[in-house]
Amino acid sequence: MRTTIDAAGRVVIPKQLRQAAALEPGQELEIIERDGRIEIEPVSVPMELVERDGFLAAEVPGDEAPTLTADEVRELLERTRR
């Protein structure tokens, strides 16, 4: 897929790629240059493992993790199975 850079330096990520990568408007992205290539990826949510009732659980320090809907969980599972 091809796109262009406008005069302000903005690049439009085609809809098909945004959907495939599950990118949402306003989402924070990490952009790096590596070996002459530009790489864009979603900023990951920092998590730590904590013990609760004898089990390990992932926890987002300082903030509450967003609540996922059943549809979001289903979509995530389908994407990881592809």
Protein backbone atom coordinates (compact mmCIF):
# COMPACT_ATOMS: atom_id res chain seq x y z
CA MET A 1 0.00 0.00 0.00
CA ARG A 2 1.24 3.49 -0.77
CA THR A 3 0.54 6.83 0.85
CA THR A 4 2.16 10.28 0.84
CA ILE A 5 3.52 12.76 3.35
CA ASP A 6 1.75 16.14 3.31
CA ALA A 7 3.46 19.54 3.66
CA ALA A 8 3.08 19.40 7.46
CA GLY A 9 4.82 15.99 7.61
CA ARG A 10 1.67 13.98 8.30
CA VAL A 11 1.15 10.49 6.96
CA VAL A 12 -2.27 8.89 6.60
CA ILE A 13 -2.31 5.21 7.57
CA PRO A 14 -4.79 3.53 5.20
CA LYS A 15 -7.99 2.29 6.83
CA GLN A 16 -7.30 -1.36 6.01
CA LEU A 17 -3.96 -1.20 7.89
CA ARG A 18 -5.47 0.72 10.83
CA GLN A 19 -8.17 -1.93 11.17
CA ALA A 20 -5.70 -4.81 10.90
CA ALA A 21 -3.54 -3.26 13.64
CA ALA A 22 -6.60 -2.24 15.72
CA LEU A 23 -5.48 1.41 15.78
CA GLU A 24 -8.03 3.90 17.09
CA PRO A 25 -8.25 7.70 16.70
CA GLY A 26 -6.34 9.46 19.47
CA GLN A 27 -4.35 6.34 20.33
CA GLU A 28 -0.75 6.99 21.37
CA LEU A 29 1.86 5.52 19.01
CA GLU A 30 5.60 4.91 19.25
CA ILE A 31 7.52 5.84 16.09
CA ILE A 32 11.14 4.81 15.61
CA GLU A 33 13.68 4.72 12.80
CA ARG A 34 15.60 1.47 12.47
CA ASP A 35 17.99 0.62 9.64
CA GLY A 36 16.45 3.24 7.34
CA ARG A 37 12.88 2.08 8.03
CA ILE A 38 10.13 3.83 9.99
CA GLU A 39 8.33 1.58 12.48
CA ILE A 40 5.03 2.55 14.11
CA GLU A 41 3.48 0.59 16.95
CA PRO A 42 0.89 1.22 19.66
CA VAL A 43 2.30 2.31 23.02
CA SER A 44 1.94 -0.62 25.38
CA VAL A 45 0.24 -0.27 28.73
CA PRO A 46 2.77 -0.67 31.56
CA MET A 47 1.83 -3.61 33.79
CA GLU A 48 3.29 -5.39 36.73
CA LEU A 49 2.61 -8.81 38.19
CA VAL A 50 1.14 -8.86 41.69
CA GLU A 51 0.13 -11.77 43.86
CA ARG A 52 -3.54 -11.97 44.81
CA ASP A 53 -4.95 -14.85 46.81
CA GLY A 54 -1.99 -17.03 45.85
CA PHE A 55 -2.25 -16.25 42.12
CA LEU A 56 -0.33 -13.84 39.90
CA ALA A 57 -2.36 -11.07 38.27
CA ALA A 58 -1.37 -8.31 35.83
CA GLU A 59 -1.98 -4.84 37.23
CA VAL A 60 -1.66 -1.36 35.71
CA PRO A 61 0.24 0.71 38.30
CA GLY A 62 -1.33 4.00 39.33
CA ASP A 63 -4.24 3.77 36.91
CA GLU A 64 -7.17 1.52 36.38
CA ALA A 65 -7.03 -0.56 33.23
CA PRO A 66 -9.86 0.17 30.82
CA THR A 67 -12.83 -2.16 31.10
CA LEU A 68 -13.16 -4.33 28.01
CA THR A 69 -16.53 -5.16 26.55
CA ALA A 70 -17.42 -8.71 25.53
CA ASP A 71 -17.15 -7.63 21.86
CA GLU A 72 -13.64 -6.24 22.42
CA VAL A 73 -12.52 -9.47 24.09
CA ARG A 74 -14.05 -11.55 21.28
CA GLU A 75 -12.35 -9.40 18.63
CA LEU A 76 -8.99 -9.66 20.41
CA LEU A 77 -9.30 -13.44 20.62
CA GLU A 78 -10.17 -13.68 16.91
CA ARG A 79 -7.18 -11.49 15.96
CA THR A 80 -4.75 -13.60 18.00
CA ARG A 81 -6.07 -16.82 16.42
CA ARG A 82 -5.43 -15.62 12.84
